[in-house]
PDB file of N, CA and C in Angstrom:
ATOM      1  N   MET A   1     159.431  75.639 136.315  1.00  0.00           N
ATOM      2  CA  MET A   1     158.904  76.197 137.542  1.00  0.00           C
ATOM      3  C   MET A   1     160.066  76.448 138.504  1.00  0.00           C
ATOM      4  N   ALA A   2     160.167  77.662 138.978  1.00  0.00           N
ATOM      5  CA  ALA A   2     161.275  78.057 139.854  1.00  0.00           C
ATOM      6  C   ALA A   2     160.971  77.749 141.312  1.00  0.00           C
ATOM      7  N   TYR A   3     162.014  77.762 142.102  1.00  0.00           N
ATOM      8  CA  TYR A   3     161.883  77.634 143.551  1.00  0.00           C
ATOM      9  C   TYR A   3     161.620  79.017 144.129  1.00  0.00           C
ATOM     10  N   LYS A   4     161.042  79.051 145.323  1.00  0.00           N
ATOM     11  CA  LYS A   4     160.808  80.294 146.042  1.00  0.00           C
ATOM     12  C   LYS A   4     161.203  80.065 147.495  1.00  0.00           C
ATOM     13  N   ILE A   5     161.794  81.072 148.127  1.00  0.00           N
ATOM     14  CA  ILE A   5     162.223  80.955 149.519  1.00  0.00           C
ATOM     15  C   ILE A   5     161.120  81.499 150.417  1.00  0.00           C
ATOM     16  N   ASN A   6     160.679  80.658 151.352  1.00  0.00           N
ATOM     17  CA  ASN A   6     159.589  81.078 152.237  1.00  0.00           C
ATOM     18  C   ASN A   6     160.122  81.834 153.461  1.00  0.00           C
ATOM     19  N   ASP A   7     159.219  82.214 154.350  1.00  0.00           N
ATOM     20  CA  ASP A   7     159.576  83.030 155.510  1.00  0.00           C
ATOM     21  C   ASP A   7     160.365  82.284 156.586  1.00  0.00           C
ATOM     22  N   ASP A   8     160.608  80.987 156.396  1.00  0.00           N
ATOM     23  CA  ASP A   8     161.435  80.233 157.343  1.00  0.00           C
ATOM     24  C   ASP A   8     162.917  80.574 157.191  1.00  0.00           C
ATOM     25  N   CYS A   9     163.275  81.312 156.146  1.00  0.00           N
ATOM     26  CA  CYS A   9     164.666  81.673 155.854  1.00  0.00           C
ATOM     27  C   CYS A   9     165.320  82.345 157.061  1.00  0.00           C
ATOM     28  N   ILE A  10     166.534  81.876 157.398  1.00  0.00           N
ATOM     29  CA  ILE A  10     167.293  82.446 158.518  1.00  0.00           C
ATOM     30  C   ILE A  10     168.487  83.283 158.040  1.00  0.00           C
ATOM     31  N   ASN A  11     168.524  83.611 156.767  1.00  0.00           N
ATOM     32  CA  ASN A  11     169.575  84.456 156.182  1.00  0.00           C
ATOM     33  C   ASN A  11     170.978  83.905 156.343  1.00  0.00           C
ATOM     34  N   CYS A  12     171.141  82.608 156.270  1.00  0.00           N
ATOM     35  CA  CYS A  12     172.481  82.031 156.449  1.00  0.00           C
ATOM     36  C   CYS A  12     173.301  82.044 155.159  1.00  0.00           C
ATOM     37  N   GLY A  13     172.639  82.096 154.003  1.00  0.00           N
ATOM     38  CA  GLY A  13     173.343  82.140 152.727  1.00  0.00           C
ATOM     39  C   GLY A  13     173.727  80.797 152.141  1.00  0.00           C
ATOM     40  N   ALA A  14     173.389  79.714 152.812  1.00  0.00           N
ATOM     41  CA  ALA A  14     173.753  78.386 152.307  1.00  0.00           C
ATOM     42  C   ALA A  14     173.126  78.119 150.945  1.00  0.00           C
ATOM     43  N   CYS A  15     171.923  78.591 150.725  1.00  0.00           N
ATOM     44  CA  CYS A  15     171.239  78.374 149.455  1.00  0.00           C
ATOM     45  C   CYS A  15     171.974  79.078 148.314  1.00  0.00           C
ATOM     46  N   ALA A  16     172.402  80.311 148.558  1.00  0.00           N
ATOM     47  CA  ALA A  16     173.104  81.083 147.536  1.00  0.00           C
ATOM     48  C   ALA A  16     174.434  80.435 147.175  1.00  0.00           C
ATOM     49  N   GLU A  17     175.134  79.910 148.182  1.00  0.00           N
ATOM     50  CA  GLU A  17     176.414  79.248 147.929  1.00  0.00           C
ATOM     51  C   GLU A  17     176.232  77.980 147.103  1.00  0.00           C
ATOM     52  N   GLY A  18     175.083  77.311 147.264  1.00  0.00           N
ATOM     53  CA  GLY A  18     174.844  76.067 146.556  1.00  0.00           C
ATOM     54  C   GLY A  18     174.218  76.221 145.190  1.00  0.00           C
ATOM     55  N   CYS A  19     173.827  77.426 144.810  1.00  0.00           N
ATOM     56  CA  CYS A  19     173.137  77.650 143.535  1.00  0.00           C
ATOM     57  C   CYS A  19     174.121  77.682 142.361  1.00  0.00           C
ATOM     58  N   PRO A  20     173.965  76.765 141.396  1.00  0.00           N
ATOM     59  CA  PRO A  20     174.896  76.725 140.262  1.00  0.00           C
ATOM     60  C   PRO A  20     174.710  77.860 139.258  1.00  0.00           C
ATOM     61  N   THR A  21     173.559  78.539 139.288  1.00  0.00           N
ATOM     62  CA  THR A  21     173.317  79.620 138.329  1.00  0.00           C
ATOM     63  C   THR A  21     173.358  81.004 138.972  1.00  0.00           C
ATOM     64  N   GLU A  22     173.721  81.073 140.246  1.00  0.00           N
ATOM     65  CA  GLU A  22     173.782  82.334 140.981  1.00  0.00           C
ATOM     66  C   GLU A  22     172.458  83.094 140.915  1.00  0.00           C
ATOM     67  N   ALA A  23     171.350  82.348 141.011  1.00  0.00           N
ATOM     68  CA  ALA A  23     170.013  82.936 140.938  1.00  0.00           C
ATOM     69  C   ALA A  23     169.535  83.477 142.276  1.00  0.00           C
ATOM     70  N   ILE A  24     170.308  83.256 143.337  1.00  0.00           N
ATOM     71  CA  ILE A  24     169.867  83.625 144.680  1.00  0.00           C
ATOM     72  C   ILE A  24     170.686  84.797 145.203  1.00  0.00           C
ATOM     73  N   SER A  25     169.964  85.778 145.744  1.00  0.00           N
ATOM     74  CA  SER A  25     170.635  86.945 146.312  1.00  0.00           C
ATOM     75  C   SER A  25     169.972  87.326 147.625  1.00  0.00           C
ATOM     76  N   GLU A  26     170.674  88.113 148.415  1.00  0.00           N
ATOM     77  CA  GLU A  26     170.149  88.546 149.704  1.00  0.00           C
ATOM     78  C   GLU A  26     169.076  89.604 149.480  1.00  0.00           C
ATOM     79  N   GLY A  27     167.916  89.370 150.067  1.00  0.00           N
ATOM     80  CA  GLY A  27     166.813  90.313 149.940  1.00  0.00           C
ATOM     81  C   GLY A  27     166.554  91.020 151.251  1.00  0.00           C
ATOM     82  N   ASP A  28     165.375  91.554 151.392  1.00  0.00           N
ATOM     83  CA  ASP A  28     164.984  92.289 152.591  1.00  0.00           C
ATOM     84  C   ASP A  28     164.453  91.314 153.635  1.00  0.00           C
ATOM     85  N   GLY A  29     165.323  90.877 154.535  1.00  0.00           N
ATOM     86  CA  GLY A  29     164.929  89.963 155.590  1.00  0.00           C
ATOM     87  C   GLY A  29     165.055  88.490 155.258  1.00  0.00           C
ATOM     88  N   LYS A  30     165.232  88.155 154.001  1.00  0.00           N
ATOM     89  CA  LYS A  30     165.437  86.766 153.584  1.00  0.00           C
ATOM     90  C   LYS A  30     166.053  86.755 152.187  1.00  0.00           C
ATOM     91  N   TYR A  31     166.605  85.623 151.814  1.00  0.00           N
ATOM     92  CA  TYR A  31     167.166  85.491 150.476  1.00  0.00           C
ATOM     93  C   TYR A  31     166.050  85.334 149.462  1.00  0.00           C
ATOM     94  N   VAL A  32     166.303  85.726 148.220  1.00  0.00           N
ATOM     95  CA  VAL A  32     165.306  85.636 147.154  1.00  0.00           C
ATOM     96  C   VAL A  32     165.910  84.942 145.944  1.00  0.00           C
ATOM     97  N   ILE A  33     165.048  84.284 145.179  1.00  0.00           N
ATOM     98  CA  ILE A  33     165.469  83.562 143.987  1.00  0.00           C
ATOM     99  C   ILE A  33     164.911  84.257 142.748  1.00  0.00           C
ATOM    100  N   ASN A  34     165.775  84.529 141.791  1.00  0.00           N
ATOM    101  CA  ASN A  34     165.350  85.114 140.522  1.00  0.00           C
ATOM    102  C   ASN A  34     164.723  83.995 139.686  1.00  0.00           C
ATOM    103  N   PRO A  35     163.417  84.037 139.443  1.00  0.00           N
ATOM    104  CA  PRO A  35     162.755  82.949 138.715  1.00  0.00           C
ATOM    105  C   PRO A  35     163.202  82.810 137.259  1.00  0.00           C
ATOM    106  N   GLU A  36     163.770  83.864 136.694  1.00  0.00           N
ATOM    107  CA  GLU A  36     164.221  83.803 135.311  1.00  0.00           C
ATOM    108  C   GLU A  36     165.578  83.120 135.180  1.00  0.00           C
ATOM    109  N   THR A  37     166.329  83.064 136.274  1.00  0.00           N
ATOM    110  CA  THR A  37     167.648  82.437 136.270  1.00  0.00           C
ATOM    111  C   THR A  37     167.604  81.033 136.868  1.00  0.00           C
ATOM    112  N   CYS A  38     166.641  80.782 137.742  1.00  0.00           N
ATOM    113  CA  CYS A  38     166.505  79.486 138.413  1.00  0.00           C
ATOM    114  C   CYS A  38     166.239  78.377 137.397  1.00  0.00           C
ATOM    115  N   ILE A  39     166.982  77.272 137.532  1.00  0.00           N
ATOM    116  CA  ILE A  39     166.805  76.133 136.615  1.00  0.00           C
ATOM    117  C   ILE A  39     166.073  74.970 137.282  1.00  0.00           C
ATOM    118  N   ASP A  40     165.505  75.212 138.457  1.00  0.00           N
ATOM    119  CA  ASP A  40     164.692  74.225 139.172  1.00  0.00           C
ATOM    120  C   ASP A  40     165.477  72.954 139.484  1.00  0.00           C
ATOM    121  N   CYS A  41     166.737  73.121 139.890  1.00  0.00           N
ATOM    122  CA  CYS A  41     167.589  71.954 140.156  1.00  0.00           C
ATOM    123  C   CYS A  41     167.453  71.422 141.577  1.00  0.00           C
ATOM    124  N   GLY A  42     167.010  72.279 142.517  1.00  0.00           N
ATOM    125  CA  GLY A  42     166.831  71.853 143.898  1.00  0.00           C
ATOM    126  C   GLY A  42     168.072  71.930 144.765  1.00  0.00           C
ATOM    127  N   ALA A  43     169.176  72.429 144.229  1.00  0.00           N
ATOM    128  CA  ALA A  43     170.409  72.527 145.015  1.00  0.00           C
ATOM    129  C   ALA A  43     170.219  73.430 146.229  1.00  0.00           C
ATOM    130  N   CYS A  44     169.428  74.465 146.087  1.00  0.00           N
ATOM    131  CA  CYS A  44     169.189  75.381 147.204  1.00  0.00           C
ATOM    132  C   CYS A  44     168.439  74.681 148.336  1.00  0.00           C
ATOM    133  N   ALA A  45     167.456  73.877 147.977  1.00  0.00           N
ATOM    134  CA  ALA A  45     166.673  73.159 148.975  1.00  0.00           C
ATOM    135  C   ALA A  45     167.534  72.146 149.719  1.00  0.00           C
ATOM    136  N   GLU A  46     168.443  71.514 149.015  1.00  0.00           N
ATOM    137  CA  GLU A  46     169.341  70.542 149.644  1.00  0.00           C
ATOM    138  C   GLU A  46     170.328  71.220 150.585  1.00  0.00           C
ATOM    139  N   ALA A  47     170.750  72.438 150.255  1.00  0.00           N
ATOM    140  CA  ALA A  47     171.748  73.163 151.045  1.00  0.00           C
ATOM    141  C   ALA A  47     171.141  73.850 152.269  1.00  0.00           C
ATOM    142  N   CYS A  48     169.874  74.152 152.233  1.00  0.00           N
ATOM    143  CA  CYS A  48     169.237  74.938 153.298  1.00  0.00           C
ATOM    144  C   CYS A  48     169.012  74.107 154.558  1.00  0.00           C
ATOM    145  N   PRO A  49     169.472  74.611 155.724  1.00  0.00           N
ATOM    146  CA  PRO A  49     169.299  73.867 156.970  1.00  0.00           C
ATOM    147  C   PRO A  49     167.879  73.896 157.530  1.00  0.00           C
ATOM    148  N   VAL A  50     167.039  74.832 157.039  1.00  0.00           N
ATOM    149  CA  VAL A  50     165.671  74.938 157.557  1.00  0.00           C
ATOM    150  C   VAL A  50     164.596  74.644 156.510  1.00  0.00           C
ATOM    151  N   GLY A  51     164.999  74.259 155.297  1.00  0.00           N
ATOM    152  CA  GLY A  51     164.033  73.903 154.257  1.00  0.00           C
ATOM    153  C   GLY A  51     163.236  75.057 153.695  1.00  0.00           C
ATOM    154  N   ALA A  52     163.803  76.268 153.703  1.00  0.00           N
ATOM    155  CA  ALA A  52     163.079  77.440 153.226  1.00  0.00           C
ATOM    156  C   ALA A  52     162.808  77.444 151.716  1.00  0.00           C
ATOM    157  N   PRO A  53     163.731  77.005 150.859  1.00  0.00           N
ATOM    158  CA  PRO A  53     163.423  76.984 149.424  1.00  0.00           C
ATOM    159  C   PRO A  53     162.419  75.863 149.111  1.00  0.00           C
ATOM    160  N   GLN A  54     161.348  76.255 148.443  1.00  0.00           N
ATOM    161  CA  GLN A  54     160.305  75.293 148.079  1.00  0.00           C
ATOM    162  C   GLN A  54     159.974  75.455 146.596  1.00  0.00           C
ATOM    163  N   ALA A  55     159.658  74.345 145.940  1.00  0.00           N
ATOM    164  CA  ALA A  55     159.227  74.405 144.539  1.00  0.00           C
ATOM    165  C   ALA A  55     157.864  75.080 144.486  1.00  0.00           C
ATOM    166  N   GLU A  56     157.687  75.958 143.517  1.00  0.00           N
ATOM    167  CA  GLU A  56     156.399  76.625 143.371  1.00  0.00           C
ATOM    168  C   GLU A  56     155.413  75.732 142.658  1.00  0.00           C
TER     169      GLU A  56
END
């Protein structure tokens, strides 16, 4: 089960920098996670200052 970034995202990029599989990219108004690349490690959630990445 992959993580998903909710609308609390502030576009800071901390989640993308912390992702070991480079599954996170800048989307339209917020960052997005590729569910096929995400390994459900939670590194993005730990790196995010506002808690936007959530487990689905």
